[in-house]
Amino acid sequence: YCWLVTAWLALRVFLRHGFDAIQACNPPDTFFALALGF
């Protein structure tokens, strides 16, 4: 649930503000998959 909601919000942030880097704070260690796309 958190991964999917975060992915949706990350897309919103990217389109609205843009970003050059993603800093993912664990736990959990799952957001590498989201970072791969960006």
PDB file of all heavy atoms in Angstrom:
ATOM      1  N   TYR A   1       0.829  -1.210   0.000  1.00  0.00           N
ATOM      2  CA  TYR A   1       0.000   0.000   0.000  1.00  0.00           C
ATOM      3  C   TYR A   1       0.864   1.262   0.000  1.00  0.00           C
ATOM      4  O   TYR A   1       0.671   2.168  -0.822  1.00  0.00           O
ATOM      5  CB  TYR A   1      -0.927  -0.017   1.218  1.00  0.00           C
ATOM      6  CG  TYR A   1      -1.573   1.322   1.519  1.00  0.00           C
ATOM      7  CD1 TYR A   1      -2.691   1.754   0.809  1.00  0.00           C
ATOM      8  CD2 TYR A   1      -1.064   2.156   2.520  1.00  0.00           C
ATOM      9  CE1 TYR A   1      -3.281   2.981   1.079  1.00  0.00           C
ATOM     10  CE2 TYR A   1      -1.648   3.386   2.798  1.00  0.00           C
ATOM     11  CZ  TYR A   1      -2.746   3.795   2.071  1.00  0.00           C
ATOM     12  OH  TYR A   1      -3.311   5.007   2.346  1.00  0.00           O
ATOM     13  N   CYS A   2       1.840   1.317   0.926  1.00  0.00           N
ATOM     14  CA  CYS A   2       2.679   2.515   1.030  1.00  0.00           C
ATOM     15  C   CYS A   2       3.520   2.709  -0.223  1.00  0.00           C
ATOM     16  O   CYS A   2       3.743   3.844  -0.665  1.00  0.00           O
ATOM     17  CB  CYS A   2       3.578   2.423   2.260  1.00  0.00           C
ATOM     18  SG  CYS A   2       2.685   2.525   3.828  1.00  0.00           S
ATOM     19  N   TRP A   3       3.998   1.604  -0.809  1.00  0.00           N
ATOM     20  CA  TRP A   3       4.809   1.715  -2.016  1.00  0.00           C
ATOM     21  C   TRP A   3       3.994   2.292  -3.173  1.00  0.00           C
ATOM     22  O   TRP A   3       4.463   3.200  -3.876  1.00  0.00           O
ATOM     23  CB  TRP A   3       5.360   0.347  -2.410  1.00  0.00           C
ATOM     24  CG  TRP A   3       6.486   0.414  -3.399  1.00  0.00           C
ATOM     25  CD1 TRP A   3       7.819   0.384  -3.129  1.00  0.00           C
ATOM     26  CD2 TRP A   3       6.374   0.515  -4.839  1.00  0.00           C
ATOM     27  NE1 TRP A   3       8.544   0.464  -4.295  1.00  0.00           N
ATOM     28  CE2 TRP A   3       7.690   0.547  -5.361  1.00  0.00           C
ATOM     29  CE3 TRP A   3       5.298   0.579  -5.723  1.00  0.00           C
ATOM     30  CZ2 TRP A   3       7.949   0.646  -6.723  1.00  0.00           C
ATOM     31  CZ3 TRP A   3       5.551   0.682  -7.078  1.00  0.00           C
ATOM     32  CH2 TRP A   3       6.860   0.715  -7.571  1.00  0.00           C
ATOM     33  N   LEU A   4       2.779   1.801  -3.356  1.00  0.00           N
ATOM     34  CA  LEU A   4       1.949   2.270  -4.470  1.00  0.00           C
ATOM     35  C   LEU A   4       1.551   3.734  -4.285  1.00  0.00           C
ATOM     36  O   LEU A   4       1.604   4.523  -5.238  1.00  0.00           O
ATOM     37  CB  LEU A   4       0.699   1.394  -4.600  1.00  0.00           C
ATOM     38  CG  LEU A   4       0.945  -0.045  -5.071  1.00  0.00           C
ATOM     39  CD1 LEU A   4      -0.353  -0.836  -5.025  1.00  0.00           C
ATOM     40  CD2 LEU A   4       1.536  -0.064  -6.477  1.00  0.00           C
ATOM     41  N   VAL A   5       1.159   4.111  -3.061  1.00  0.00           N
ATOM     42  CA  VAL A   5       0.788   5.504  -2.812  1.00  0.00           C
ATOM     43  C   VAL A   5       1.998   6.413  -2.990  1.00  0.00           C
ATOM     44  O   VAL A   5       1.901   7.504  -3.570  1.00  0.00           O
ATOM     45  CB  VAL A   5       0.189   5.662  -1.405  1.00  0.00           C
ATOM     46  CG1 VAL A   5      -0.083   7.129  -1.106  1.00  0.00           C
ATOM     47  CG2 VAL A   5      -1.091   4.865  -1.269  1.00  0.00           C
ATOM     48  N   THR A   6       3.148   5.973  -2.515  1.00  0.00           N
ATOM     49  CA  THR A   6       4.365   6.770  -2.664  1.00  0.00           C
ATOM     50  C   THR A   6       4.733   6.930  -4.130  1.00  0.00           C
ATOM     51  O   THR A   6       5.156   8.014  -4.564  1.00  0.00           O
ATOM     52  CB  THR A   6       5.533   6.112  -1.898  1.00  0.00           C
ATOM     53  OG1 THR A   6       5.206   6.058  -0.503  1.00  0.00           O
ATOM     54  CG2 THR A   6       6.818   6.895  -2.076  1.00  0.00           C
ATOM     55  N   ALA A   7       4.580   5.866  -4.917  1.00  0.00           N
ATOM     56  CA  ALA A   7       4.885   5.943  -6.353  1.00  0.00           C
ATOM     57  C   ALA A   7       3.981   6.967  -7.040  1.00  0.00           C
ATOM     58  O   ALA A   7       4.448   7.759  -7.883  1.00  0.00           O
ATOM     59  CB  ALA A   7       4.722   4.567  -6.996  1.00  0.00           C
ATOM     60  N   TRP A   8       2.709   6.982  -6.679  1.00  0.00           N
ATOM     61  CA  TRP A   8       1.771   7.940  -7.272  1.00  0.00           C
ATOM     62  C   TRP A   8       2.139   9.377  -6.892  1.00  0.00           C
ATOM     63  O   TRP A   8       2.166  10.275  -7.734  1.00  0.00           O
ATOM     64  CB  TRP A   8       0.352   7.609  -6.829  1.00  0.00           C
ATOM     65  CG  TRP A   8      -0.638   8.703  -7.048  1.00  0.00           C
ATOM     66  CD1 TRP A   8      -1.324   9.405  -6.106  1.00  0.00           C
ATOM     67  CD2 TRP A   8      -1.060   9.253  -8.311  1.00  0.00           C
ATOM     68  NE1 TRP A   8      -2.138  10.348  -6.681  1.00  0.00           N
ATOM     69  CE2 TRP A   8      -2.000  10.269  -8.043  1.00  0.00           C
ATOM     70  CE3 TRP A   8      -0.735   8.969  -9.626  1.00  0.00           C
ATOM     71  CZ2 TRP A   8      -2.602  11.010  -9.042  1.00  0.00           C
ATOM     72  CZ3 TRP A   8      -1.353   9.710 -10.640  1.00  0.00           C
ATOM     73  CH2 TRP A   8      -2.266  10.706 -10.345  1.00  0.00           C
ATOM     74  N   LEU A   9       2.464   9.569  -5.610  1.00  0.00           N
ATOM     75  CA  LEU A   9       2.840  10.909  -5.169  1.00  0.00           C
ATOM     76  C   LEU A   9       4.187  11.333  -5.764  1.00  0.00           C
ATOM     77  O   LEU A   9       4.388  12.514  -6.070  1.00  0.00           O
ATOM     78  CB  LEU A   9       2.904  10.957  -3.646  1.00  0.00           C
ATOM     79  CG  LEU A   9       1.552  10.873  -2.921  1.00  0.00           C
ATOM     80  CD1 LEU A   9       1.752  10.818  -1.412  1.00  0.00           C
ATOM     81  CD2 LEU A   9       0.668  12.064  -3.290  1.00  0.00           C
ATOM     82  N   ALA A  10       5.099  10.391  -5.942  1.00  0.00           N
ATOM     83  CA  ALA A  10       6.388  10.722  -6.558  1.00  0.00           C
ATOM     84  C   ALA A  10       6.192  11.208  -7.984  1.00  0.00           C
ATOM     85  O   ALA A  10       6.876  12.144  -8.440  1.00  0.00           O
ATOM     86  CB  ALA A  10       7.308   9.501  -6.534  1.00  0.00           C
ATOM     87  N   LEU A  11       5.274  10.589  -8.695  1.00  0.00           N
ATOM     88  CA  LEU A  11       4.981  11.042 -10.054  1.00  0.00           C
ATOM     89  C   LEU A  11       4.399  12.455 -10.026  1.00  0.00           C
ATOM     90  O   LEU A  11       4.775  13.303 -10.851  1.00  0.00           O
ATOM     91  CB  LEU A  11       4.004  10.074 -10.714  1.00  0.00           C
ATOM     92  CG  LEU A  11       3.610  10.403 -12.163  1.00  0.00           C
ATOM     93  CD1 LEU A  11       4.838  10.438 -13.066  1.00  0.00           C
ATOM     94  CD2 LEU A  11       2.592   9.394 -12.679  1.00  0.00           C
ATOM     95  N   ARG A  12       3.531  12.740  -9.063  1.00  0.00           N
ATOM     96  CA  ARG A  12       2.970  14.085  -8.933  1.00  0.00           C
ATOM     97  C   ARG A  12       4.061  15.108  -8.639  1.00  0.00           C
ATOM     98  O   ARG A  12       4.086  16.193  -9.233  1.00  0.00           O
ATOM     99  CB  ARG A  12       1.926  14.113  -7.813  1.00  0.00           C
ATOM    100  CG  ARG A  12       0.596  13.467  -8.154  1.00  0.00           C
ATOM    101  CD  ARG A  12      -0.394  13.656  -7.022  1.00  0.00           C
ATOM    102  NE  ARG A  12      -0.593  15.076  -6.710  1.00  0.00           N
ATOM    103  CZ  ARG A  12      -1.243  15.523  -5.637  1.00  0.00           C
ATOM    104  NH1 ARG A  12      -1.735  14.659  -4.758  1.00  0.00           N
ATOM    105  NH2 ARG A  12      -1.386  16.820  -5.440  1.00  0.00           N
ATOM    106  N   VAL A  13       4.948  14.763  -7.723  1.00  0.00           N
ATOM    107  CA  VAL A  13       6.037  15.681  -7.378  1.00  0.00           C
ATOM    108  C   VAL A  13       6.941  15.908  -8.577  1.00  0.00           C
ATOM    109  O   VAL A  13       7.381  17.039  -8.849  1.00  0.00           O
ATOM    110  CB  VAL A  13       6.850  15.126  -6.187  1.00  0.00           C
ATOM    111  CG1 VAL A  13       8.072  16.006  -5.910  1.00  0.00           C
ATOM    112  CG2 VAL A  13       5.982  15.048  -4.937  1.00  0.00           C
ATOM    113  N   PHE A  14       7.215  14.842  -9.317  1.00  0.00           N
ATOM    114  CA  PHE A  14       8.087  14.956 -10.487  1.00  0.00           C
ATOM    115  C   PHE A  14       7.480  15.884 -11.531  1.00  0.00           C
ATOM    116  O   PHE A  14       8.175  16.724 -12.122  1.00  0.00           O
ATOM    117  CB  PHE A  14       8.333  13.574 -11.090  1.00  0.00           C
ATOM    118  CG  PHE A  14       9.316  13.579 -12.205  1.00  0.00           C
ATOM    119  CD1 PHE A  14      10.680  13.672 -11.966  1.00  0.00           C
ATOM    120  CD2 PHE A  14       8.890  13.488 -13.528  1.00  0.00           C
ATOM    121  CE1 PHE A  14      11.600  13.680 -13.005  1.00  0.00           C
ATOM    122  CE2 PHE A  14       9.787  13.497 -14.576  1.00  0.00           C
ATOM    123  CZ  PHE A  14      11.154  13.593 -14.312  1.00  0.00           C
ATOM    124  N   LEU A  15       6.188  15.744 -11.761  1.00  0.00           N
ATOM    125  CA  LEU A  15       5.529  16.585 -12.764  1.00  0.00           C
ATOM    126  C   LEU A  15       5.356  18.021 -12.279  1.00  0.00           C
ATOM    127  O   LEU A  15       5.399  18.960 -13.077  1.00  0.00           O
ATOM    128  CB  LEU A  15       4.166  15.981 -13.120  1.00  0.00           C
ATOM    129  CG  LEU A  15       4.199  14.612 -13.819  1.00  0.00           C
ATOM    130  CD1 LEU A  15       2.789  14.082 -14.023  1.00  0.00           C
ATOM    131  CD2 LEU A  15       4.934  14.703 -15.157  1.00  0.00           C
ATOM    132  N   ARG A  16       5.170  18.195 -10.970  1.00  0.00           N
ATOM    133  CA  ARG A  16       4.916  19.534 -10.437  1.00  0.00           C
ATOM    134  C   ARG A  16       6.202  20.308 -10.155  1.00  0.00           C
ATOM    135  O   ARG A  16       6.311  21.491 -10.474  1.00  0.00           O
ATOM    136  CB  ARG A  16       4.102  19.428  -9.152  1.00  0.00           C
ATOM    137  CG  ARG A  16       3.711  20.773  -8.553  1.00  0.00           C
ATOM    138  CD  ARG A  16       2.819  20.589  -7.347  1.00  0.00           C
ATOM    139  NE  ARG A  16       2.429  21.877  -6.766  1.00  0.00           N
ATOM    140  CZ  ARG A  16       1.652  22.024  -5.698  1.00  0.00           C
ATOM    141  NH1 ARG A  16       1.164  20.948  -5.101  1.00  0.00           N
ATOM    142  NH2 ARG A  16       1.357  23.222  -5.245  1.00  0.00           N
ATOM    143  N   HIS A  17       7.188  19.645  -9.563  1.00  0.00           N
ATOM    144  CA  HIS A  17       8.413  20.331  -9.151  1.00  0.00           C
ATOM    145  C   HIS A  17       9.647  19.840  -9.918  1.00  0.00           C
ATOM    146  O   HIS A  17      10.566  20.608 -10.164  1.00  0.00           O
ATOM    147  CB  HIS A  17       8.677  20.135  -7.655  1.00  0.00           C
ATOM    148  CG  HIS A  17       7.539  20.515  -6.765  1.00  0.00           C
ATOM    149  ND1 HIS A  17       7.187  21.824  -6.516  1.00  0.00           N
ATOM    150  CD2 HIS A  17       6.675  19.751  -6.049  1.00  0.00           C
ATOM    151  CE1 HIS A  17       6.162  21.849  -5.672  1.00  0.00           C
ATOM    152  NE2 HIS A  17       5.833  20.611  -5.386  1.00  0.00           N
ATOM    153  N   GLY A  18       9.646  18.544 -10.245  1.00  0.00           N
ATOM    154  CA  GLY A  18      10.848  17.927 -10.763  1.00  0.00           C
ATOM    155  C   GLY A  18      11.824  17.642  -9.636  1.00  0.00           C
ATOM    156  O   GLY A  18      11.762  18.275  -8.576  1.00  0.00           O
ATOM    157  N   PHE A  19      12.700  16.670  -9.811  1.00  0.00           N
ATOM    158  CA  PHE A  19      13.748  16.416  -8.820  1.00  0.00           C
ATOM    159  C   PHE A  19      14.925  15.730  -9.499  1.00  0.00           C
ATOM    160  O   PHE A  19      14.777  15.024 -10.493  1.00  0.00           O
ATOM    161  CB  PHE A  19      13.240  15.594  -7.627  1.00  0.00           C
ATOM    162  CG  PHE A  19      12.448  14.370  -7.978  1.00  0.00           C
ATOM    163  CD1 PHE A  19      13.061  13.196  -8.375  1.00  0.00           C
ATOM    164  CD2 PHE A  19      11.057  14.384  -7.896  1.00  0.00           C
ATOM    165  CE1 PHE A  19      12.326  12.066  -8.678  1.00  0.00           C
ATOM    166  CE2 PHE A  19      10.301  13.263  -8.207  1.00  0.00           C
ATOM    167  CZ  PHE A  19      10.942  12.098  -8.602  1.00  0.00           C
ATOM    168  N   ASP A  20      16.102  15.999  -8.949  1.00  0.00           N
ATOM    169  CA  ASP A  20      17.349  15.456  -9.484  1.00  0.00           C
ATOM    170  C   ASP A  20      17.815  14.225  -8.731  1.00  0.00           C
ATOM    171  O   ASP A  20      18.653  13.466  -9.230  1.00  0.00           O
ATOM    172  CB  ASP A  20      18.452  16.521  -9.421  1.00  0.00           C
ATOM    173  CG  ASP A  20      18.036  17.806 -10.124  1.00  0.00           C
ATOM    174  OD1 ASP A  20      18.050  17.819 -11.360  1.00  0.00           O
ATOM    175  OD2 ASP A  20      17.686  18.779  -9.440  1.00  0.00           O
ATOM    176  N   ALA A  21      17.300  14.037  -7.525  1.00  0.00           N
ATOM    177  CA  ALA A  21      17.714  12.905  -6.706  1.00  0.00           C
ATOM    178  C   ALA A  21      16.560  12.450  -5.829  1.00  0.00           C
ATOM    179  O   ALA A  21      15.740  13.264  -5.386  1.00  0.00           O
ATOM    180  CB  ALA A  21      18.922  13.261  -5.838  1.00  0.00           C
ATOM    181  N   ILE A  22      16.508  11.146  -5.598  1.00  0.00           N
ATOM    182  CA  ILE A  22      15.580  10.560  -4.634  1.00  0.00           C
ATOM    183  C   ILE A  22      16.396  10.066  -3.454  1.00  0.00           C
ATOM    184  O   ILE A  22      17.367   9.316  -3.630  1.00  0.00           O
ATOM    185  CB  ILE A  22      14.788   9.387  -5.240  1.00  0.00           C
ATOM    186  CG1 ILE A  22      13.854   9.870  -6.336  1.00  0.00           C
ATOM    187  CG2 ILE A  22      13.997   8.656  -4.154  1.00  0.00           C
ATOM    188  CD1 ILE A  22      13.098   8.752  -7.028  1.00  0.00           C
ATOM    189  N   GLN A  23      16.017  10.482  -2.260  1.00  0.00           N
ATOM    190  CA  GLN A  23      16.639   9.990  -1.038  1.00  0.00           C
ATOM    191  C   GLN A  23      15.604   9.164  -0.303  1.00  0.00           C
ATOM    192  O   GLN A  23      14.617   9.685   0.199  1.00  0.00           O
ATOM    193  CB  GLN A  23      17.125  11.144  -0.163  1.00  0.00           C
ATOM    194  CG  GLN A  23      17.708  10.706   1.169  1.00  0.00           C
ATOM    195  CD  GLN A  23      18.218  11.878   1.991  1.00  0.00           C
ATOM    196  OE1 GLN A  23      18.720  12.855   1.451  1.00  0.00           O
ATOM    197  NE2 GLN A  23      18.077  11.782   3.302  1.00  0.00           N
ATOM    198  N   ALA A  24      15.809   7.846  -0.267  1.00  0.00           N
ATOM    199  CA  ALA A  24      14.862   6.943   0.370  1.00  0.00           C
ATOM    200  C   ALA A  24      15.380   6.544   1.739  1.00  0.00           C
ATOM    201  O   ALA A  24      16.489   6.013   1.868  1.00  0.00           O
ATOM    202  CB  ALA A  24      14.637   5.706  -0.486  1.00  0.00           C
ATOM    203  N   CYS A  25      14.575   6.807   2.769  1.00  0.00           N
ATOM    204  CA  CYS A  25      14.945   6.482   4.148  1.00  0.00           C
ATOM    205  C   CYS A  25      14.286   5.164   4.536  1.00  0.00           C
ATOM    206  O   CYS A  25      13.072   5.023   4.432  1.00  0.00           O
ATOM    207  CB  CYS A  25      14.482   7.588   5.096  1.00  0.00           C
ATOM    208  SG  CYS A  25      15.015   9.250   4.599  1.00  0.00           S
ATOM    209  N   ASN A  26      15.089   4.211   4.942  1.00  0.00           N
ATOM    210  CA  ASN A  26      14.498   2.935   5.356  1.00  0.00           C
ATOM    211  C   ASN A  26      14.214   2.944   6.856  1.00  0.00           C
ATOM    212  O   ASN A  26      14.737   3.829   7.563  1.00  0.00           O
ATOM    213  CB  ASN A  26      15.430   1.784   4.966  1.00  0.00           C
ATOM    214  CG  ASN A  26      16.516   1.547   6.022  1.00  0.00           C
ATOM    215  OD1 ASN A  26      16.990   2.467   6.674  1.00  0.00           O
ATOM    216  ND2 ASN A  26      16.917   0.302   6.178  1.00  0.00           N
ATOM    217  N   PRO A  27      13.408   2.025   7.395  1.00  0.00           N
ATOM    218  CA  PRO A  27      12.757   0.926   6.701  1.00  0.00           C
ATOM    219  C   PRO A  27      11.510   1.384   5.945  1.00  0.00           C
ATOM    220  O   PRO A  27      10.992   2.444   6.270  1.00  0.00           O
ATOM    221  CB  PRO A  27      12.393  -0.019   7.854  1.00  0.00           C
ATOM    222  CG  PRO A  27      12.191   0.889   9.047  1.00  0.00           C
ATOM    223  CD  PRO A  27      13.175   2.009   8.856  1.00  0.00           C
ATOM    224  N   PRO A  28      11.046   0.595   4.945  1.00  0.00           N
ATOM    225  CA  PRO A  28      11.598  -0.675   4.481  1.00  0.00           C
ATOM    226  C   PRO A  28      12.599  -0.457   3.342  1.00  0.00           C
ATOM    227  O   PRO A  28      12.769   0.670   2.860  1.00  0.00           O
ATOM    228  CB  PRO A  28      10.362  -1.406   3.978  1.00  0.00           C
ATOM    229  CG  PRO A  28       9.522  -0.297   3.400  1.00  0.00           C
ATOM    230  CD  PRO A  28       9.758   0.902   4.299  1.00  0.00           C
ATOM    231  N   ASP A  29      13.212  -1.546   2.896  1.00  0.00           N
ATOM    232  CA  ASP A  29      14.168  -1.481   1.784  1.00  0.00           C
ATOM    233  C   ASP A  29      13.475  -1.856   0.471  1.00  0.00           C
ATOM    234  O   ASP A  29      13.898  -2.775  -0.238  1.00  0.00           O
ATOM    235  CB  ASP A  29      15.347  -2.432   2.040  1.00  0.00           C
ATOM    236  CG  ASP A  29      16.204  -1.984   3.201  1.00  0.00           C
ATOM    237  OD1 ASP A  29      16.321  -0.765   3.419  1.00  0.00           O
ATOM    238  OD2 ASP A  29      16.763  -2.856   3.893  1.00  0.00           O
ATOM    239  N   THR A  30      12.409  -1.142   0.147  1.00  0.00           N
ATOM    240  CA  THR A  30      11.636  -1.474  -1.043  1.00  0.00           C
ATOM    241  C   THR A  30      11.642  -0.385  -2.108  1.00  0.00           C
ATOM    242  O   THR A  30      11.228  -0.634  -3.242  1.00  0.00           O
ATOM    243  CB  THR A  30      10.175  -1.771  -0.662  1.00  0.00           C
ATOM    244  OG1 THR A  30       9.646  -0.645   0.063  1.00  0.00           O
ATOM    245  CG2 THR A  30      10.064  -3.011   0.200  1.00  0.00           C
ATOM    246  N   PHE A  31      12.097   0.806  -1.764  1.00  0.00           N
ATOM    247  CA  PHE A  31      11.940   1.927  -2.684  1.00  0.00           C
ATOM    248  C   PHE A  31      13.032   2.000  -3.750  1.00  0.00           C
ATOM    249  O   PHE A  31      13.003   2.892  -4.599  1.00  0.00           O
ATOM    250  CB  PHE A  31      11.850   3.234  -1.912  1.00  0.00           C
ATOM    251  CG  PHE A  31      10.571   3.359  -1.126  1.00  0.00           C
ATOM    252  CD1 PHE A  31      10.590   3.342   0.262  1.00  0.00           C
ATOM    253  CD2 PHE A  31       9.351   3.453  -1.770  1.00  0.00           C
ATOM    254  CE1 PHE A  31       9.410   3.440   0.984  1.00  0.00           C
ATOM    255  CE2 PHE A  31       8.168   3.550  -1.064  1.00  0.00           C
ATOM    256  CZ  PHE A  31       8.201   3.536   0.329  1.00  0.00           C
ATOM    257  N   PHE A  32      13.976   1.055  -3.736  1.00  0.00           N
ATOM    258  CA  PHE A  32      14.942   0.986  -4.838  1.00  0.00           C
ATOM    259  C   PHE A  32      14.223   0.723  -6.155  1.00  0.00           C
ATOM    260  O   PHE A  32      14.647   1.212  -7.212  1.00  0.00           O
ATOM    261  CB  PHE A  32      15.972  -0.120  -4.571  1.00  0.00           C
ATOM    262  CG  PHE A  32      15.417  -1.514  -4.744  1.00  0.00           C
ATOM    263  CD1 PHE A  32      15.511  -2.170  -5.964  1.00  0.00           C
ATOM    264  CD2 PHE A  32      14.785  -2.157  -3.691  1.00  0.00           C
ATOM    265  CE1 PHE A  32      14.985  -3.441  -6.138  1.00  0.00           C
ATOM    266  CE2 PHE A  32      14.262  -3.432  -3.850  1.00  0.00           C
ATOM    267  CZ  PHE A  32      14.364  -4.074  -5.080  1.00  0.00           C
ATOM    268  N   ALA A  33      13.123  -0.057  -6.090  1.00  0.00           N
ATOM    269  CA  ALA A  33      12.371  -0.364  -7.303  1.00  0.00           C
ATOM    270  C   ALA A  33      11.727   0.892  -7.883  1.00  0.00           C
ATOM    271  O   ALA A  33      11.641   1.055  -9.102  1.00  0.00           O
ATOM    272  CB  ALA A  33      11.308  -1.420  -7.005  1.00  0.00           C
ATOM    273  N   LEU A  34      11.276   1.793  -7.018  1.00  0.00           N
ATOM    274  CA  LEU A  34      10.726   3.068  -7.474  1.00  0.00           C
ATOM    275  C   LEU A  34      11.831   3.942  -8.052  1.00  0.00           C
ATOM    276  O   LEU A  34      11.648   4.585  -9.099  1.00  0.00           O
ATOM    277  CB  LEU A  34      10.041   3.773  -6.307  1.00  0.00           C
ATOM    278  CG  LEU A  34       9.489   5.170  -6.563  1.00  0.00           C
ATOM    279  CD1 LEU A  34       8.441   5.142  -7.662  1.00  0.00           C
ATOM    280  CD2 LEU A  34       8.900   5.756  -5.277  1.00  0.00           C
ATOM    281  N   ALA A  35      12.981   3.956  -7.390  1.00  0.00           N
ATOM    282  CA  ALA A  35      14.093   4.781  -7.862  1.00  0.00           C
ATOM    283  C   ALA A  35      14.612   4.324  -9.219  1.00  0.00           C
ATOM    284  O   ALA A  35      15.076   5.148 -10.009  1.00  0.00           O
ATOM    285  CB  ALA A  35      15.226   4.758  -6.834  1.00  0.00           C
ATOM    286  N   LEU A  36      14.535   3.018  -9.489  1.00  0.00           N
ATOM    287  CA  LEU A  36      15.038   2.503 -10.761  1.00  0.00           C
ATOM    288  C   LEU A  36      14.359   3.170 -11.948  1.00  0.00           C
ATOM    289  O   LEU A  36      15.009   3.508 -12.940  1.00  0.00           O
ATOM    290  CB  LEU A  36      14.824   0.988 -10.828  1.00  0.00           C
ATOM    291  CG  LEU A  36      15.894   0.116 -10.186  1.00  0.00           C
ATOM    292  CD1 LEU A  36      15.453  -1.348 -10.183  1.00  0.00           C
ATOM    293  CD2 LEU A  36      17.217   0.262 -10.931  1.00  0.00           C
ATOM    294  N   GLY A  37      13.039   3.353 -11.861  1.00  0.00           N
ATOM    295  CA  GLY A  37      12.323   3.981 -12.957  1.00  0.00           C
ATOM    296  C   GLY A  37      12.776   5.404 -13.209  1.00  0.00           C
ATOM    297  O   GLY A  37      12.955   5.828 -14.353  1.00  0.00           O
ATOM    298  N   PHE A  38      12.988   6.148 -12.130  1.00  0.00           N
ATOM    299  CA  PHE A  38      13.415   7.542 -12.281  1.00  0.00           C
ATOM    300  C   PHE A  38      14.882   7.645 -12.667  1.00  0.00           C
ATOM    301  O   PHE A  38      15.294   8.648 -13.270  1.00  0.00           O
ATOM    302  CB  PHE A  38      13.133   8.322 -10.998  1.00  0.00           C
ATOM    303  CG  PHE A  38      11.675   8.614 -10.768  1.00  0.00           C
ATOM    304  CD1 PHE A  38      10.917   7.852  -9.894  1.00  0.00           C
ATOM    305  CD2 PHE A  38      11.045   9.641 -11.453  1.00  0.00           C
ATOM    306  CE1 PHE A  38       9.579   8.115  -9.695  1.00  0.00           C
ATOM    307  CE2 PHE A  38       9.703   9.918 -11.268  1.00  0.00           C
ATOM    308  CZ  PHE A  38       8.959   9.152 -10.381  1.00  0.00           C
TER     309      PHE A  38
END
